[in-house]
Structure formats: C-alpha cells, structure tokens
Protein backbone atom coordinates (compact mmCIF):
# COMPACT_ATOMS: atom_id res chain seq x y z
CA MET A 1 9.41 -18.94 -2.54
CA THR A 2 7.29 -20.37 -5.33
CA GLY A 3 3.73 -19.36 -6.08
CA PRO A 4 2.01 -16.00 -5.75
CA VAL A 5 2.86 -13.50 -3.04
CA LEU A 6 -0.81 -12.53 -2.87
CA SER A 7 -3.74 -14.49 -4.21
CA LEU A 8 -7.41 -13.49 -4.20
CA ASP A 9 -9.83 -16.24 -5.21
CA LYS A 10 -13.45 -15.10 -5.60
CA ALA A 11 -13.06 -12.65 -2.72
CA THR A 12 -16.48 -11.26 -1.80
CA ILE A 13 -17.89 -8.99 0.89
CA ARG A 14 -21.51 -8.05 1.50
CA PHE A 15 -22.83 -5.28 3.72
CA GLY A 16 -26.44 -6.30 4.19
CA GLY A 17 -27.92 -6.36 0.71
CA LEU A 18 -24.99 -4.48 -0.84
CA VAL A 19 -22.29 -6.54 -2.53
CA ALA A 20 -19.24 -4.23 -2.34
CA VAL A 21 -16.71 -6.68 -3.80
CA ASN A 22 -17.96 -9.66 -5.77
CA ASN A 23 -15.90 -12.72 -6.77
CA VAL A 24 -12.66 -10.79 -7.37
CA SER A 25 -9.68 -12.97 -8.28
CA PHE A 26 -6.10 -12.02 -9.10
CA ASP A 27 -2.55 -13.06 -8.22
CA LEU A 28 0.53 -10.96 -7.49
CA GLN A 29 3.93 -12.50 -8.14
CA ARG A 30 7.04 -11.42 -6.29
CA GLY A 31 8.32 -8.11 -7.64
CA ASP A 32 5.07 -7.12 -9.35
CA LEU A 33 4.12 -3.48 -9.83
CA PHE A 34 0.39 -4.06 -9.93
CA GLY A 35 -2.40 -1.50 -10.31
CA LEU A 36 -5.98 -1.72 -9.05
CA ILE A 37 -8.16 0.84 -10.83
CA GLY A 38 -11.79 1.67 -11.48
CA PRO A 39 -14.34 4.48 -11.26
CA ASN A 40 -15.35 5.99 -7.91
CA GLY A 41 -17.26 3.43 -5.85
CA ALA A 42 -15.84 0.48 -7.79
CA GLY A 43 -14.69 -1.32 -4.62
CA LYS A 44 -10.95 -0.62 -4.77
CA THR A 45 -10.39 0.56 -1.20
CA THR A 46 -12.81 -2.09 0.06
CA CYS A 47 -10.58 -4.64 -1.66
CA PHE A 48 -7.55 -3.17 0.17
CA ASN A 49 -9.51 -3.39 3.43
CA LEU A 50 -10.16 -7.08 2.80
CA ILE A 51 -6.49 -7.78 2.11
CA THR A 52 -5.30 -5.91 5.22
CA GLY A 53 -7.88 -7.28 7.66
CA VAL A 54 -10.07 -4.21 8.14
CA TYR A 55 -12.96 -6.29 6.78
CA LYS A 56 -13.50 -10.05 6.87
CA PRO A 57 -14.56 -11.51 3.53
CA THR A 58 -18.06 -12.93 3.36
CA SER A 59 -16.77 -15.65 1.05
CA GLY A 60 -13.74 -16.50 -1.06
CA SER A 61 -10.07 -16.74 -0.19
CA ILE A 62 -7.25 -14.26 0.37
CA LYS A 63 -3.79 -15.80 0.73
CA PHE A 64 -0.40 -14.25 1.42
CA LYS A 65 2.50 -16.53 0.48
CA GLY A 66 0.09 -19.46 0.57
CA GLN A 67 -1.34 -18.66 4.02
CA GLU A 68 -4.98 -17.73 4.38
CA ILE A 69 -5.20 -14.21 5.82
CA GLY A 70 -8.85 -13.40 5.15
CA GLY A 71 -10.30 -12.36 8.50
CA LEU A 72 -7.01 -12.10 10.40
CA PRO A 73 -6.54 -8.93 12.50
CA PRO A 74 -4.74 -6.06 10.71
CA ALA A 75 -1.81 -6.13 13.16
CA LYS A 76 -1.25 -9.83 12.49
CA ILE A 77 -1.35 -9.32 8.72
CA CYS A 78 1.15 -6.48 9.04
CA THR A 79 3.45 -8.69 11.11
CA LEU A 80 3.29 -11.32 8.36
CA GLY A 81 4.63 -8.77 5.86
CA VAL A 82 1.71 -6.82 4.38
CA CYS A 83 1.54 -3.07 4.99
CA ARG A 84 -0.38 -0.19 3.47
CA THR A 85 -0.91 3.54 3.17
CA PHE A 86 -4.36 5.12 3.30
CA GLN A 87 -6.57 7.16 1.00
CA ASN A 88 -7.04 9.59 3.89
CA ILE A 89 -3.61 10.31 5.37
CA ARG A 90 -3.16 8.84 8.85
CA LEU A 91 0.03 10.26 10.29
CA PHE A 92 0.75 11.25 13.89
CA PRO A 93 0.54 15.02 13.38
CA ALA A 94 2.29 16.06 16.61
CA LEU A 95 5.27 13.77 16.02
CA SER A 96 8.23 14.68 13.87
CA VAL A 97 8.74 13.23 10.41
CA LEU A 98 11.47 10.94 11.76
CA GLU A 99 9.37 9.83 14.73
CA ASN A 100 6.50 8.85 12.44
CA VAL A 101 8.80 6.46 10.58
CA VAL A 102 10.31 5.09 13.80
CA VAL A 103 6.78 4.21 14.95
CA GLY A 104 6.49 1.90 11.96
CA ALA A 105 9.92 0.43 12.63
CA PHE A 106 8.92 -0.53 16.17
CA LEU A 107 6.76 -3.32 14.70
CA ARG A 108 9.99 -5.32 14.36
CA LYS A 109 11.56 -4.38 17.73
CA SER A 110 13.11 -7.19 19.75
CA THR A 111 13.52 -5.53 23.17
CA SER A 112 10.69 -5.39 25.71
CA LEU A 113 8.52 -2.44 26.65
CA PHE A 114 10.00 -2.62 30.16
CA SER A 115 13.51 -2.28 28.74
CA ALA A 116 12.45 0.80 26.82
CA PHE A 117 10.83 2.48 29.83
CA ALA A 118 13.81 1.61 32.03
CA TYR A 119 16.28 2.94 29.43
CA LEU A 120 18.22 -0.32 29.51
CA PRO A 121 21.23 -0.50 27.14
CA PRO A 122 19.68 -3.04 24.72
CA ALA A 123 16.61 -0.85 24.25
CA ILE A 124 18.70 2.30 23.80
CA ALA A 125 20.88 0.57 21.21
CA GLU A 126 17.88 -0.79 19.31
CA THR A 127 16.14 2.58 19.28
CA GLY A 128 19.29 4.13 17.84
CA ARG A 129 19.40 1.48 15.14
CA LEU A 130 15.74 1.99 14.26
CA ARG A 131 16.28 5.74 14.00
CA GLU A 132 19.15 5.11 11.56
CA GLU A 133 16.93 2.83 9.48
CA ALA A 134 14.18 5.46 9.53
CA MET A 135 16.58 8.16 8.32
CA ALA A 136 17.68 5.90 5.47
CA LEU A 137 14.05 5.49 4.40
CA LEU A 138 13.52 9.25 4.55
CA GLU A 139 16.43 9.54 2.13
CA VAL A 140 14.60 7.18 -0.24
CA VAL A 141 11.47 9.34 -0.26
CA ASN A 142 13.43 12.63 -0.32
CA LEU A 143 12.35 13.80 3.13
CA ALA A 144 15.60 13.59 5.07
CA GLU A 145 16.00 17.36 5.08
CA VAL A 146 12.72 17.77 7.02
CA ALA A 147 13.25 14.87 9.45
CA SER A 148 12.89 17.12 12.51
CA SER A 149 9.78 18.94 11.26
CA ARG A 150 6.32 18.13 12.56
CA SER A 151 4.50 15.89 10.13
CA ALA A 152 1.47 18.21 10.32
CA ASP A 153 3.59 21.02 8.84
CA LEU A 154 4.44 19.12 5.65
CA SER A 155 2.73 19.75 2.35
CA TYR A 156 0.10 17.21 1.29
CA GLY A 157 2.42 15.58 -1.23
CA LYS A 158 5.21 15.21 1.33
CA GLN A 159 2.80 13.69 3.82
CA ARG A 160 1.96 11.09 1.19
CA ARG A 161 5.65 10.24 0.82
CA LEU A 162 6.03 10.08 4.60
CA GLU A 163 3.27 7.49 4.80
CA ILE A 164 5.17 5.36 2.30
CA ALA A 165 8.35 5.62 4.39
CA ARG A 166 6.45 4.63 7.53
CA ALA A 167 4.94 1.63 5.77
CA MET A 168 8.37 0.61 4.50
CA ALA A 169 9.71 0.81 8.07
CA THR A 170 7.59 -2.22 9.00
CA ARG A 171 9.76 -4.22 6.56
CA PRO A 172 6.88 -5.54 4.45
CA GLU A 173 7.19 -7.92 1.55
CA LEU A 174 3.98 -6.56 0.02
CA ILE A 175 3.15 -2.85 0.21
CA LEU A 176 -0.28 -1.50 -0.70
CA LEU A 177 -0.48 2.16 -1.73
CA ASP A 178 -3.93 3.77 -1.70
CA GLU A 179 -3.90 6.77 -4.08
CA PRO A 180 -0.25 7.68 -3.39
CA ALA A 181 -0.18 10.42 -6.05
CA ALA A 182 -3.27 12.26 -4.78
CA GLY A 183 -2.58 15.95 -4.25
CA MET A 184 0.76 15.91 -6.05
CA ASN A 185 1.80 18.15 -8.92
CA PRO A 186 3.18 16.62 -12.15
CA GLN A 187 6.81 16.88 -11.03
CA GLU A 188 6.04 15.24 -7.68
CA LYS A 189 4.22 12.44 -9.49
CA GLU A 190 7.25 11.76 -11.68
CA GLU A 191 9.45 11.66 -8.59
CA LEU A 192 6.99 9.30 -6.92
CA GLN A 193 7.09 6.93 -9.89
CA THR A 194 10.88 6.81 -9.54
CA THR A 195 10.56 6.18 -5.80
CA VAL A 196 8.06 3.33 -6.22
CA ARG A 197 10.25 1.66 -8.84
CA ARG A 198 13.21 2.02 -6.49
CA ILE A 199 11.22 0.39 -3.67
CA ARG A 200 10.50 -2.56 -5.93
CA ASP A 201 13.96 -2.88 -7.48
CA GLU A 202 16.33 -2.01 -4.63
CA PHE A 203 14.27 -3.25 -1.69
CA ASP A 204 12.78 -6.31 -3.41
CA LYS A 205 9.18 -5.39 -2.62
CA THR A 206 5.93 -6.30 -4.33
CA VAL A 207 3.66 -3.28 -4.87
CA LEU A 208 -0.12 -3.07 -5.28
CA LEU A 209 -1.54 0.40 -5.76
CA ILE A 210 -4.83 2.21 -6.27
CA GLU A 211 -4.67 5.39 -8.28
CA HIS A 212 -7.09 7.58 -10.25
CA ASP A 213 -4.40 9.27 -12.33
CA MET A 214 -4.37 7.04 -15.41
CA ARG A 215 -1.14 8.51 -16.78
CA PHE A 216 0.56 7.68 -13.48
CA VAL A 217 -0.81 4.12 -13.44
CA MET A 218 -0.08 3.37 -17.09
CA GLY A 219 3.45 4.72 -16.77
CA LEU A 220 4.27 2.73 -13.66
CA CYS A 221 2.32 -0.51 -13.38
CA GLU A 222 3.19 -3.59 -15.38
CA ARG A 223 -0.15 -5.32 -14.77
CA ILE A 224 -3.54 -3.86 -13.94
CA VAL A 225 -6.89 -5.18 -12.76
CA VAL A 226 -10.02 -3.07 -13.25
CA LEU A 227 -13.06 -3.11 -10.96
CA ASP A 228 -16.50 -1.70 -11.67
CA HIS A 229 -19.37 -1.94 -9.19
CA GLY A 230 -17.33 -4.39 -7.14
CA GLU A 231 -16.64 -6.79 -9.99
CA GLU A 232 -13.51 -7.43 -12.04
CA ILE A 233 -14.08 -6.38 -15.65
CA ALA A 234 -10.53 -6.56 -17.05
CA GLN A 235 -7.01 -7.65 -16.21
CA GLY A 236 -3.75 -7.40 -18.13
CA PRO A 237 -0.87 -5.13 -19.19
CA PRO A 238 -1.44 -1.37 -19.51
CA GLU A 239 -1.84 -1.35 -23.30
CA ALA A 240 -4.58 -3.99 -23.20
CA ILE A 241 -6.39 -2.19 -20.38
CA ARG A 242 -6.17 1.16 -22.17
CA ASN A 243 -7.96 -0.26 -25.22
CA ASP A 244 -10.46 -2.55 -23.49
CA PRO A 245 -14.05 -1.56 -24.45
CA LYS A 246 -15.41 -2.56 -21.02
CA VAL A 247 -12.87 -0.31 -19.29
CA ILE A 248 -13.64 2.61 -21.60
CA GLU A 249 -17.36 2.16 -20.97
CA ALA A 250 -16.87 2.00 -17.19
CA TYR A 251 -14.99 5.29 -17.16
CA LEU A 252 -16.81 7.20 -19.89
CA GLY A 253 -20.28 5.71 -19.69
CA GLU A 254 -20.12 4.34 -23.21
CA ALA A 255 -17.73 2.40 -25.43
CA VAL A 256 -15.82 4.44 -28.02
C-alpha cells in the first residue's frame, strides 16, 4: 500500500458553541509509532473518538488507507482495521482474562452464530483456534500466567495490558492506545514500551497513542503531534517537540 495509513485533514468537531477539535491535520505512515499529546482538555480523546466513529466530524476529512471513515459506525471502522483501548478501562469484569481476548477475536470469526449455538464442528474448531490466538497474545503482554483469572481481579496495570491484547485480537492494522501507561509503576512502563515496540515490529502494526507521561512518550514515539485547546500547535520528532516554545507554554503556562 502507498500513501498514509491514517490521514486527518482539517478534522473539526463542534458541540454547540464549543469547538473541541479544530482543523487538526496529520498523517500516519505504515509502521509509525506516533504520539498525540497535550494538556488536560486539549482534545486528544475527542480526536480518538473522531477516528474511531464515536463522534462524526462537523467538517474535515478522516481517511484510513485512502477510504473516508469520518462518520462511519465504530463497528465498521473496527472491521476495516482500526481498533483502540480506552482512557477508562472497558473490560468484561466477570469474564476471564482469556475470554476477554477471545471476545475481540470473534470480530474475525467465519462461522455463523447458529453453528456456535448448535456446537457444530466448524464452530468448535474455530473457537479452539481463536483461543490459541488469544493465548499467544497474552504471552505478548505477559499475562499468560493469569489467563484463567477474572479480569476484575487483575491489578490496574495488568488490566491496561489486557485491553491491548483484546484490541490486538481484532487483527487491526492501526491500533490506538488511550493512556496505556496510566496507573503503572516505572518498571511496568518500561515493559509496556518494549511490548508496544514489539507490536509494531513483530506484528507490523501502526500505533497512535495518547499519554501524559512525557518520559514514556519521548522514549517510545518517533513522531508527535501536540494539541492545545483543540488545535494543533506542534508536530515533529521528540527532540523538536521537547524544545518547542509553544509546547512548553501550553504545559507550563509560559515559555522558558
């Protein structure tokens, strides 16, 4: 494929008189590790919601692999190959760790619902295959040893990693991670950086993430776009972002 995996061109959304995201434009190429940062209320999660179909843009364009996806239903966008995690964890608390990942894998099932309810051989075989794929993903995020545990019983950091495994189970080409390091200690954050790089390198994924931990972002992402009050104020490699006066002012209230 040539051209960007994801392209935002002047993406804008208004809620009444409030402009939450205003004329935001950036491209993600295949294999990017791309960060979306900014102060609280900058419009980062709203931007994710535009990309994944939770909100329909008021104006502008959002394209995935050249196809306009702005305004498509979230399930359709996920089927096309875009999946995400959430700022507020959204697991199935009564299901096991393994079952949570299998739920994501069922997006790509080929057998019918009737076959599953009737326990027909094709459905049984496919379910077994999906469980094997789910276990392999739990190995990637270092959760295989708790596969049979209830997801509600995991620590906060492990629940974050489980959400990533479930998103990966949908077989996305583009994965959006909303504050994946939230609630993690320094060692867990280092392990998560390794996991995200592995997802990009071994699984050939493109990654867009929101994160407030600047050390985490600067140590992981190769390109970063910065939002402030819904508008893009900077874009570039980590070193340029770190020293950009507009970025410093947005975070600290004044340029230094």
